[in-house]
């Protein structure tokens, strides 16, 4: 067990795990700029003062996740391990402080990145990637409900726990997103790829837009597209935080998915005259 100071930059949309719990994959940078993955985290079950935000500095007791071969993977020492929030990096004046950590090692070539992932001596599973161009933003319908067997097992487990302790606030599993959002992009060698976006923020944006449009899914989806394609991809200096899943890290031709975006404004060129 060792305390580590981590700048949180990634929170993926909650999933129902094979062990029948709602979990979030968190990732960020250590003080030396290297990546670290923290999983599993029952984020929404944590006390309010421990529900860290992106670009919070947190301190946490972590153990190397020995069941995960990926070198960046750590796990909280216990289910109840606390996240001590130490501070926050905002962008009120500029993005420069965030850039110091986020842009220390950027990939521009997908072939090189995937080779580093598949190389067992390197085994890169978290990376910052800069596409040469974002060609499209796609939306596909998916299953609207979580796996019924997992939900049933989760409910059974909770009932057993409640025999001993009744929670003050009964926990409800997060709604499953009914759509899969992806970028179609090209790297600096013209290699094209389609990557799914698993960021918590895109899921929350969809639900917020759906409420604003009183349940109109078409309008909600269009608003998500405007934010991620017309804004982030077209008007911002967009970088992508990428990550792999343990199951498909070596099996997939391209094992990466988008787990976060980094989108500062373009820096204006000052006139020399």
C-alpha atoms as a PDB file:
ATOM      1  CA  UNK A   1       0.000   0.000   0.000  1.00  0.00           C
ATOM      2  CA  UNK A   2       1.295   3.466  -0.892  1.00  0.00           C
ATOM      3  CA  UNK A   3      -0.239   6.918  -0.946  1.00  0.00           C
ATOM      4  CA  UNK A   4      -0.162   8.472  -4.388  1.00  0.00           C
ATOM      5  CA  UNK A   5      -1.036  11.984  -5.496  1.00  0.00           C
ATOM      6  CA  UNK A   6      -3.067  11.906  -8.705  1.00  0.00           C
ATOM      7  CA  UNK A   7      -4.440  14.615 -10.998  1.00  0.00           C
ATOM      8  CA  UNK A   8      -7.806  13.192 -12.076  1.00  0.00           C
ATOM      9  CA  UNK A   9      -8.414  13.669 -15.808  1.00  0.00           C
ATOM     10  CA  UNK A  10     -10.690  10.742 -16.693  1.00  0.00           C
ATOM     11  CA  UNK A  11     -13.941   9.342 -15.318  1.00  0.00           C
ATOM     12  CA  UNK A  12     -15.696   6.833 -17.555  1.00  0.00           C
ATOM     13  CA  UNK A  13     -19.450   6.372 -17.644  1.00  0.00           C
ATOM     14  CA  UNK A  14     -20.514   3.930 -14.877  1.00  0.00           C
ATOM     15  CA  UNK A  15     -20.914   0.281 -15.836  1.00  0.00           C
ATOM     16  CA  UNK A  16     -22.356  -2.793 -14.156  1.00  0.00           C
ATOM     17  CA  UNK A  17     -19.410  -5.116 -13.621  1.00  0.00           C
ATOM     18  CA  UNK A  18     -19.229  -8.887 -13.724  1.00  0.00           C
ATOM     19  CA  UNK A  19     -19.210  -8.800  -9.926  1.00  0.00           C
ATOM     20  CA  UNK A  20     -22.582  -7.058  -9.923  1.00  0.00           C
ATOM     21  CA  UNK A  21     -21.669  -3.592  -8.826  1.00  0.00           C
ATOM     22  CA  UNK A  22     -21.741  -0.158 -10.428  1.00  0.00           C
ATOM     23  CA  UNK A  23     -18.168   0.892 -11.071  1.00  0.00           C
ATOM     24  CA  UNK A  24     -16.235   3.763 -12.633  1.00  0.00           C
ATOM     25  CA  UNK A  25     -12.780   3.637 -14.202  1.00  0.00           C
ATOM     26  CA  UNK A  26     -10.748   6.659 -13.142  1.00  0.00           C
ATOM     27  CA  UNK A  27      -7.428   7.742 -14.619  1.00  0.00           C
ATOM     28  CA  UNK A  28      -5.048  10.639 -14.363  1.00  0.00           C
ATOM     29  CA  UNK A  29      -1.471  11.777 -14.059  1.00  0.00           C
ATOM     30  CA  UNK A  30       1.052  11.395 -11.278  1.00  0.00           C
ATOM     31  CA  UNK A  31       3.211  14.363 -10.356  1.00  0.00           C
ATOM     32  CA  UNK A  32       5.906  13.208 -12.797  1.00  0.00           C
ATOM     33  CA  UNK A  33       3.393  13.234 -15.690  1.00  0.00           C
ATOM     34  CA  UNK A  34       2.987   9.458 -16.021  1.00  0.00           C
ATOM     35  CA  UNK A  35      -0.456   7.880 -16.398  1.00  0.00           C
ATOM     36  CA  UNK A  36      -2.212   5.876 -13.710  1.00  0.00           C
ATOM     37  CA  UNK A  37      -5.501   3.955 -13.836  1.00  0.00           C
ATOM     38  CA  UNK A  38      -7.603   3.512 -10.666  1.00  0.00           C
ATOM     39  CA  UNK A  39     -10.161   0.712 -10.831  1.00  0.00           C
ATOM     40  CA  UNK A  40     -12.585  -0.277  -9.454  1.00  0.00           C
ATOM     41  CA  UNK A  41     -14.156   2.810  -7.861  1.00  0.00           C
ATOM     42  CA  UNK A  42     -17.805   2.772  -6.647  1.00  0.00           C
ATOM     43  CA  UNK A  43     -17.862   6.511  -7.277  1.00  0.00           C
ATOM     44  CA  UNK A  44     -21.534   7.337  -6.760  1.00  0.00           C
ATOM     45  CA  UNK A  45     -21.557   5.493  -3.432  1.00  0.00           C
ATOM     46  CA  UNK A  46     -18.836   7.714  -2.039  1.00  0.00           C
ATOM     47  CA  UNK A  47     -19.587  10.525   0.393  1.00  0.00           C
ATOM     48  CA  UNK A  48     -20.159  13.889  -1.270  1.00  0.00           C
ATOM     49  CA  UNK A  49     -16.833  15.294  -0.021  1.00  0.00           C
ATOM     50  CA  UNK A  50     -15.001  12.417  -1.767  1.00  0.00           C
ATOM     51  CA  UNK A  51     -16.729  12.712  -5.150  1.00  0.00           C
ATOM     52  CA  UNK A  52     -13.755  14.157  -6.964  1.00  0.00           C
ATOM     53  CA  UNK A  53     -14.049  16.184 -10.163  1.00  0.00           C
ATOM     54  CA  UNK A  54     -11.836  16.208 -13.214  1.00  0.00           C
ATOM     55  CA  UNK A  55      -8.614  18.126 -12.579  1.00  0.00           C
ATOM     56  CA  UNK A  56      -8.829  17.650  -8.842  1.00  0.00           C
ATOM     57  CA  UNK A  57      -5.593  16.629  -7.147  1.00  0.00           C
ATOM     58  CA  UNK A  58      -6.393  13.661  -4.892  1.00  0.00           C
ATOM     59  CA  UNK A  59      -4.320  11.561  -2.537  1.00  0.00           C
ATOM     60  CA  UNK A  60      -5.233   7.907  -2.128  1.00  0.00           C
ATOM     61  CA  UNK A  61      -3.851   4.626  -0.806  1.00  0.00           C
ATOM     62  CA  UNK A  62      -3.313   2.417  -3.849  1.00  0.00           C
ATOM     63  CA  UNK A  63      -2.079  -1.114  -4.486  1.00  0.00           C
ATOM     64  CA  UNK A  64      -0.797  -2.416  -7.805  1.00  0.00           C
ATOM     65  CA  UNK A  65      -3.638  -4.339  -9.409  1.00  0.00           C
ATOM     66  CA  UNK A  66      -1.996  -7.750  -9.683  1.00  0.00           C
ATOM     67  CA  UNK A  67      -4.966  -9.180 -11.608  1.00  0.00           C
ATOM     68  CA  UNK A  68      -4.365  -6.653 -14.423  1.00  0.00           C
ATOM     69  CA  UNK A  69      -1.227  -6.973 -16.595  1.00  0.00           C
ATOM     70  CA  UNK A  70      -1.402  -3.339 -17.740  1.00  0.00           C
ATOM     71  CA  UNK A  71       1.380  -1.401 -15.975  1.00  0.00           C
ATOM     72  CA  UNK A  72      -0.726   1.711 -15.282  1.00  0.00           C
ATOM     73  CA  UNK A  73      -3.406  -0.241 -13.387  1.00  0.00           C
ATOM     74  CA  UNK A  74      -3.814   0.245  -9.635  1.00  0.00           C
ATOM     75  CA  UNK A  75      -6.715  -0.324  -7.270  1.00  0.00           C
ATOM     76  CA  UNK A  76      -7.838   1.383  -4.050  1.00  0.00           C
ATOM     77  CA  UNK A  77      -6.427  -0.452  -1.023  1.00  0.00           C
ATOM     78  CA  UNK A  78      -9.960  -1.328   0.089  1.00  0.00           C
ATOM     79  CA  UNK A  79     -13.577  -0.763  -0.904  1.00  0.00           C
ATOM     80  CA  UNK A  80     -13.776   2.065   1.644  1.00  0.00           C
ATOM     81  CA  UNK A  81     -10.467   3.758   0.797  1.00  0.00           C
ATOM     82  CA  UNK A  82     -10.871   7.515   1.000  1.00  0.00           C
ATOM     83  CA  UNK A  83     -10.005   9.980  -1.737  1.00  0.00           C
ATOM     84  CA  UNK A  84      -8.501  13.055  -0.079  1.00  0.00           C
ATOM     85  CA  UNK A  85      -9.134  16.041  -2.358  1.00  0.00           C
ATOM     86  CA  UNK A  86      -6.150  18.396  -2.140  1.00  0.00           C
ATOM     87  CA  UNK A  87      -6.952  21.048  -4.724  1.00  0.00           C
ATOM     88  CA  UNK A  88      -8.190  21.808  -8.224  1.00  0.00           C
ATOM     89  CA  UNK A  89      -6.618  23.152 -11.437  1.00  0.00           C
ATOM     90  CA  UNK A  90      -9.081  25.510 -13.115  1.00  0.00           C
ATOM     91  CA  UNK A  91      -8.896  27.342 -16.447  1.00  0.00           C
ATOM     92  CA  UNK A  92     -10.002  30.797 -15.296  1.00  0.00           C
ATOM     93  CA  UNK A  93      -6.826  32.412 -16.626  1.00  0.00           C
ATOM     94  CA  UNK A  94      -5.431  29.755 -18.972  1.00  0.00           C
ATOM     95  CA  UNK A  95      -5.056  26.032 -19.680  1.00  0.00           C
ATOM     96  CA  UNK A  96      -1.287  26.148 -19.185  1.00  0.00           C
ATOM     97  CA  UNK A  97      -1.207  24.403 -15.792  1.00  0.00           C
ATOM     98  CA  UNK A  98      -3.324  21.530 -17.100  1.00  0.00           C
ATOM     99  CA  UNK A  99      -1.208  21.318 -20.247  1.00  0.00           C
ATOM    100  CA  UNK A 100       1.951  20.756 -18.162  1.00  0.00           C
ATOM    101  CA  UNK A 101       0.589  17.352 -17.128  1.00  0.00           C
ATOM    102  CA  UNK A 102      -1.753  16.389 -19.983  1.00  0.00           C
ATOM    103  CA  UNK A 103       0.483  17.139 -22.953  1.00  0.00           C
ATOM    104  CA  UNK A 104       3.817  15.778 -21.758  1.00  0.00           C
ATOM    105  CA  UNK A 105       3.702  12.788 -24.119  1.00  0.00           C
ATOM    106  CA  UNK A 106       1.376  13.018 -27.126  1.00  0.00           C
ATOM    107  CA  UNK A 107       0.958  10.401 -29.872  1.00  0.00           C
ATOM    108  CA  UNK A 108       0.171  11.517 -33.429  1.00  0.00           C
ATOM    109  CA  UNK A 109       0.556   8.154 -35.177  1.00  0.00           C
ATOM    110  CA  UNK A 110      -1.990   5.404 -34.446  1.00  0.00           C
ATOM    111  CA  UNK A 111       0.239   2.646 -35.797  1.00  0.00           C
ATOM    112  CA  UNK A 112       2.995   3.584 -33.331  1.00  0.00           C
ATOM    113  CA  UNK A 113       0.536   3.820 -30.446  1.00  0.00           C
ATOM    114  CA  UNK A 114      -1.031   0.427 -31.158  1.00  0.00           C
ATOM    115  CA  UNK A 115       2.425  -1.137 -31.571  1.00  0.00           C
ATOM    116  CA  UNK A 116       3.359   0.195 -28.103  1.00  0.00           C
ATOM    117  CA  UNK A 117       0.141  -1.290 -26.720  1.00  0.00           C
ATOM    118  CA  UNK A 118       0.761  -4.727 -28.248  1.00  0.00           C
ATOM    119  CA  UNK A 119       4.450  -4.760 -27.282  1.00  0.00           C
ATOM    120  CA  UNK A 120       4.487  -6.691 -23.990  1.00  0.00           C
ATOM    121  CA  UNK A 121       7.644  -4.892 -22.849  1.00  0.00           C
ATOM    122  CA  UNK A 122       5.874  -1.517 -23.117  1.00  0.00           C
ATOM    123  CA  UNK A 123       2.156  -2.400 -22.923  1.00  0.00           C
ATOM    124  CA  UNK A 124       0.848   1.166 -23.222  1.00  0.00           C
ATOM    125  CA  UNK A 125      -2.805   1.204 -22.172  1.00  0.00           C
ATOM    126  CA  UNK A 126      -3.363   4.920 -21.511  1.00  0.00           C
ATOM    127  CA  UNK A 127      -2.296   7.676 -23.885  1.00  0.00           C
ATOM    128  CA  UNK A 128      -2.899  11.187 -25.171  1.00  0.00           C
ATOM    129  CA  UNK A 129      -3.594  11.267 -28.908  1.00  0.00           C
ATOM    130  CA  UNK A 130      -3.827  14.189 -31.328  1.00  0.00           C
ATOM    131  CA  UNK A 131      -5.731  13.419 -34.519  1.00  0.00           C
ATOM    132  CA  UNK A 132      -4.778  15.231 -37.716  1.00  0.00           C
ATOM    133  CA  UNK A 133      -8.466  15.562 -38.467  1.00  0.00           C
ATOM    134  CA  UNK A 134     -11.830  14.585 -37.012  1.00  0.00           C
ATOM    135  CA  UNK A 135     -13.899  13.439 -39.985  1.00  0.00           C
ATOM    136  CA  UNK A 136     -17.233  12.652 -38.362  1.00  0.00           C
ATOM    137  CA  UNK A 137     -19.176  12.084 -35.155  1.00  0.00           C
ATOM    138  CA  UNK A 138     -21.424   9.017 -35.290  1.00  0.00           C
ATOM    139  CA  UNK A 139     -24.398   7.940 -33.185  1.00  0.00           C
ATOM    140  CA  UNK A 140     -25.640   4.349 -32.994  1.00  0.00           C
ATOM    141  CA  UNK A 141     -28.533   2.902 -30.993  1.00  0.00           C
ATOM    142  CA  UNK A 142     -27.618   0.189 -28.469  1.00  0.00           C
ATOM    143  CA  UNK A 143     -29.431  -1.864 -25.861  1.00  0.00           C
ATOM    144  CA  UNK A 144     -31.370   0.431 -23.567  1.00  0.00           C
ATOM    145  CA  UNK A 145     -31.252  -1.666 -20.397  1.00  0.00           C
ATOM    146  CA  UNK A 146     -28.477  -3.236 -18.364  1.00  0.00           C
ATOM    147  CA  UNK A 147     -28.100  -7.011 -18.380  1.00  0.00           C
ATOM    148  CA  UNK A 148     -31.086  -8.307 -16.402  1.00  0.00           C
ATOM    149  CA  UNK A 149     -29.082 -11.089 -14.736  1.00  0.00           C
ATOM    150  CA  UNK A 150     -26.543  -8.616 -13.390  1.00  0.00           C
ATOM    151  CA  UNK A 151     -29.251  -6.286 -12.113  1.00  0.00           C
ATOM    152  CA  UNK A 152     -31.085  -9.169 -10.415  1.00  0.00           C
ATOM    153  CA  UNK A 153     -27.889 -10.319  -8.717  1.00  0.00           C
ATOM    154  CA  UNK A 154     -27.151  -6.764  -7.613  1.00  0.00           C
ATOM    155  CA  UNK A 155     -30.611  -6.385  -6.095  1.00  0.00           C
ATOM    156  CA  UNK A 156     -30.263  -9.726  -4.284  1.00  0.00           C
ATOM    157  CA  UNK A 157     -26.938  -8.651  -2.811  1.00  0.00           C
ATOM    158  CA  UNK A 158     -28.389  -5.338  -1.630  1.00  0.00           C
ATOM    159  CA  UNK A 159     -31.347  -7.010   0.064  1.00  0.00           C
ATOM    160  CA  UNK A 160     -28.969  -9.273   1.971  1.00  0.00           C
ATOM    161  CA  UNK A 161     -26.898  -6.270   3.045  1.00  0.00           C
ATOM    162  CA  UNK A 162     -29.992  -4.376   4.134  1.00  0.00           C
ATOM    163  CA  UNK A 163     -30.866  -7.103   6.623  1.00  0.00           C
ATOM    164  CA  UNK A 164     -28.028  -5.705   8.708  1.00  0.00           C
ATOM    165  CA  UNK A 165     -27.996  -2.052   7.705  1.00  0.00           C
ATOM    166  CA  UNK A 166     -30.710  -0.053   5.985  1.00  0.00           C
ATOM    167  CA  UNK A 167     -29.148   2.731   3.894  1.00  0.00           C
ATOM    168  CA  UNK A 168     -30.425   6.238   4.505  1.00  0.00           C
ATOM    169  CA  UNK A 169     -30.429   6.861   0.768  1.00  0.00           C
ATOM    170  CA  UNK A 170     -31.369   3.749  -1.266  1.00  0.00           C
ATOM    171  CA  UNK A 171     -28.914   3.504  -4.168  1.00  0.00           C
ATOM    172  CA  UNK A 172     -30.264   3.397  -7.723  1.00  0.00           C
ATOM    173  CA  UNK A 173     -28.175   2.129 -10.619  1.00  0.00           C
ATOM    174  CA  UNK A 174     -27.335   4.809 -13.181  1.00  0.00           C
ATOM    175  CA  UNK A 175     -29.408   4.816 -16.374  1.00  0.00           C
ATOM    176  CA  UNK A 176     -27.820   3.010 -19.306  1.00  0.00           C
ATOM    177  CA  UNK A 177     -27.064   5.184 -22.312  1.00  0.00           C
ATOM    178  CA  UNK A 178     -29.252   4.159 -25.280  1.00  0.00           C
ATOM    179  CA  UNK A 179     -26.696   5.404 -27.810  1.00  0.00           C
ATOM    180  CA  UNK A 180     -23.033   4.819 -28.632  1.00  0.00           C
ATOM    181  CA  UNK A 181     -21.122   7.951 -29.615  1.00  0.00           C
ATOM    182  CA  UNK A 182     -17.917   7.773 -31.675  1.00  0.00           C
ATOM    183  CA  UNK A 183     -15.389   9.908 -33.526  1.00  0.00           C
ATOM    184  CA  UNK A 184     -14.175   8.985 -36.996  1.00  0.00           C
ATOM    185  CA  UNK A 185     -10.645  10.344 -37.196  1.00  0.00           C
ATOM    186  CA  UNK A 186      -7.402  10.318 -39.122  1.00  0.00           C
ATOM    187  CA  UNK A 187      -3.830  10.343 -37.797  1.00  0.00           C
ATOM    188  CA  UNK A 188      -0.769  12.097 -39.242  1.00  0.00           C
ATOM    189  CA  UNK A 189      -0.171   9.232 -41.699  1.00  0.00           C
ATOM    190  CA  UNK A 190      -3.725   9.179 -43.008  1.00  0.00           C
ATOM    191  CA  UNK A 191      -4.715   6.089 -41.009  1.00  0.00           C
ATOM    192  CA  UNK A 192      -8.434   6.216 -40.346  1.00  0.00           C
ATOM    193  CA  UNK A 193     -10.149   4.839 -37.257  1.00  0.00           C
ATOM    194  CA  UNK A 194     -13.526   4.925 -35.544  1.00  0.00           C
ATOM    195  CA  UNK A 195     -13.302   5.222 -31.756  1.00  0.00           C
ATOM    196  CA  UNK A 196     -16.104   5.014 -29.237  1.00  0.00           C
ATOM    197  CA  UNK A 197     -16.338   7.759 -26.590  1.00  0.00           C
ATOM    198  CA  UNK A 198     -16.745   6.344 -23.065  1.00  0.00           C
ATOM    199  CA  UNK A 199     -16.344   9.587 -21.102  1.00  0.00           C
ATOM    200  CA  UNK A 200     -18.784  10.230 -18.236  1.00  0.00           C
ATOM    201  CA  UNK A 201     -19.252  13.792 -19.521  1.00  0.00           C
ATOM    202  CA  UNK A 202     -20.760  12.758 -22.850  1.00  0.00           C
ATOM    203  CA  UNK A 203     -23.281  10.578 -21.027  1.00  0.00           C
ATOM    204  CA  UNK A 204     -24.194  13.344 -18.611  1.00  0.00           C
ATOM    205  CA  UNK A 205     -24.476  15.804 -21.507  1.00  0.00           C
ATOM    206  CA  UNK A 206     -26.963  13.511 -23.241  1.00  0.00           C
ATOM    207  CA  UNK A 207     -29.172  13.213 -20.151  1.00  0.00           C
ATOM    208  CA  UNK A 208     -29.063  16.975 -19.538  1.00  0.00           C
ATOM    209  CA  UNK A 209     -30.019  17.675 -23.150  1.00  0.00           C
ATOM    210  CA  UNK A 210     -32.809  15.083 -22.972  1.00  0.00           C
ATOM    211  CA  UNK A 211     -34.310  16.841 -19.947  1.00  0.00           C
ATOM    212  CA  UNK A 212     -34.002  20.241 -21.612  1.00  0.00           C
ATOM    213  CA  UNK A 213     -35.813  18.928 -24.703  1.00  0.00           C
ATOM    214  CA  UNK A 214     -38.490  17.203 -22.571  1.00  0.00           C
ATOM    215  CA  UNK A 215     -37.628  13.688 -23.695  1.00  0.00           C
ATOM    216  CA  UNK A 216     -36.990  14.389 -27.388  1.00  0.00           C
ATOM    217  CA  UNK A 217     -34.074  12.036 -28.110  1.00  0.00           C
ATOM    218  CA  UNK A 218     -33.379  13.348 -31.618  1.00  0.00           C
ATOM    219  CA  UNK A 219     -32.862  16.881 -30.316  1.00  0.00           C
ATOM    220  CA  UNK A 220     -30.739  15.635 -27.400  1.00  0.00           C
ATOM    221  CA  UNK A 221     -28.488  13.654 -29.755  1.00  0.00           C
ATOM    222  CA  UNK A 222     -28.145  16.661 -32.053  1.00  0.00           C
ATOM    223  CA  UNK A 223     -27.021  18.824 -29.134  1.00  0.00           C
ATOM    224  CA  UNK A 224     -24.394  16.230 -28.185  1.00  0.00           C
ATOM    225  CA  UNK A 225     -23.161  16.236 -31.776  1.00  0.00           C
ATOM    226  CA  UNK A 226     -22.942  20.038 -31.802  1.00  0.00           C
ATOM    227  CA  UNK A 227     -20.840  20.061 -28.640  1.00  0.00           C
ATOM    228  CA  UNK A 228     -18.456  17.227 -29.575  1.00  0.00           C
ATOM    229  CA  UNK A 229     -18.192  17.797 -33.327  1.00  0.00           C
ATOM    230  CA  UNK A 230     -19.061  21.390 -34.179  1.00  0.00           C
ATOM    231  CA  UNK A 231     -17.476  22.812 -31.005  1.00  0.00           C
ATOM    232  CA  UNK A 232     -14.724  20.517 -29.687  1.00  0.00           C
ATOM    233  CA  UNK A 233     -13.569  19.077 -33.035  1.00  0.00           C
ATOM    234  CA  UNK A 234     -14.008  22.153 -35.220  1.00  0.00           C
ATOM    235  CA  UNK A 235     -13.210  25.151 -33.011  1.00  0.00           C
ATOM    236  CA  UNK A 236     -10.982  23.793 -30.201  1.00  0.00           C
ATOM    237  CA  UNK A 237      -7.434  22.423 -30.057  1.00  0.00           C
ATOM    238  CA  UNK A 238      -8.730  18.909 -29.385  1.00  0.00           C
ATOM    239  CA  UNK A 239      -6.665  16.103 -27.828  1.00  0.00           C
ATOM    240  CA  UNK A 240      -8.083  12.707 -26.899  1.00  0.00           C
ATOM    241  CA  UNK A 241      -7.388  10.647 -23.795  1.00  0.00           C
ATOM    242  CA  UNK A 242      -7.365   7.006 -24.897  1.00  0.00           C
ATOM    243  CA  UNK A 243      -7.508   3.779 -22.919  1.00  0.00           C
ATOM    244  CA  UNK A 244      -7.773   0.047 -23.483  1.00  0.00           C
ATOM    245  CA  UNK A 245      -9.863  -2.624 -21.799  1.00  0.00           C
ATOM    246  CA  UNK A 246      -8.035  -5.484 -20.155  1.00  0.00           C
ATOM    247  CA  UNK A 247     -10.012  -8.105 -22.095  1.00  0.00           C
ATOM    248  CA  UNK A 248      -9.279  -6.747 -25.580  1.00  0.00           C
ATOM    249  CA  UNK A 249      -5.886  -5.123 -25.021  1.00  0.00           C
ATOM    250  CA  UNK A 250      -3.966  -7.778 -26.983  1.00  0.00           C
ATOM    251  CA  UNK A 251      -6.882  -9.225 -28.954  1.00  0.00           C
ATOM    252  CA  UNK A 252      -8.133  -6.143 -30.785  1.00  0.00           C
ATOM    253  CA  UNK A 253      -6.528  -4.660 -33.900  1.00  0.00           C
ATOM    254  CA  UNK A 254      -7.064  -1.241 -32.320  1.00  0.00           C
ATOM    255  CA  UNK A 255      -7.715  -1.751 -28.596  1.00  0.00           C
ATOM    256  CA  UNK A 256      -8.200   1.926 -27.755  1.00  0.00           C
ATOM    257  CA  UNK A 257     -11.362   3.844 -26.983  1.00  0.00           C
ATOM    258  CA  UNK A 258     -11.780   7.513 -26.096  1.00  0.00           C
ATOM    259  CA  UNK A 259     -12.088   7.945 -22.341  1.00  0.00           C
ATOM    260  CA  UNK A 260     -11.816  11.732 -22.206  1.00  0.00           C
ATOM    261  CA  UNK A 261     -11.267  14.921 -24.182  1.00  0.00           C
ATOM    262  CA  UNK A 262      -8.857  17.801 -23.649  1.00  0.00           C
ATOM    263  CA  UNK A 263     -10.016  20.852 -25.567  1.00  0.00           C
ATOM    264  CA  UNK A 264      -8.280  24.177 -24.891  1.00  0.00           C
ATOM    265  CA  UNK A 265      -8.899  27.102 -27.197  1.00  0.00           C
ATOM    266  CA  UNK A 266      -6.431  27.604 -30.021  1.00  0.00           C
ATOM    267  CA  UNK A 267      -3.705  30.017 -28.998  1.00  0.00           C
ATOM    268  CA  UNK A 268      -3.844  33.181 -31.045  1.00  0.00           C
ATOM    269  CA  UNK A 269      -0.659  34.254 -32.812  1.00  0.00           C
ATOM    270  CA  UNK A 270       0.423  37.676 -31.622  1.00  0.00           C
ATOM    271  CA  UNK A 271       1.402  40.115 -34.309  1.00  0.00           C
ATOM    272  CA  UNK A 272       5.088  40.930 -34.551  1.00  0.00           C
ATOM    273  CA  UNK A 273       4.294  44.484 -35.534  1.00  0.00           C
END
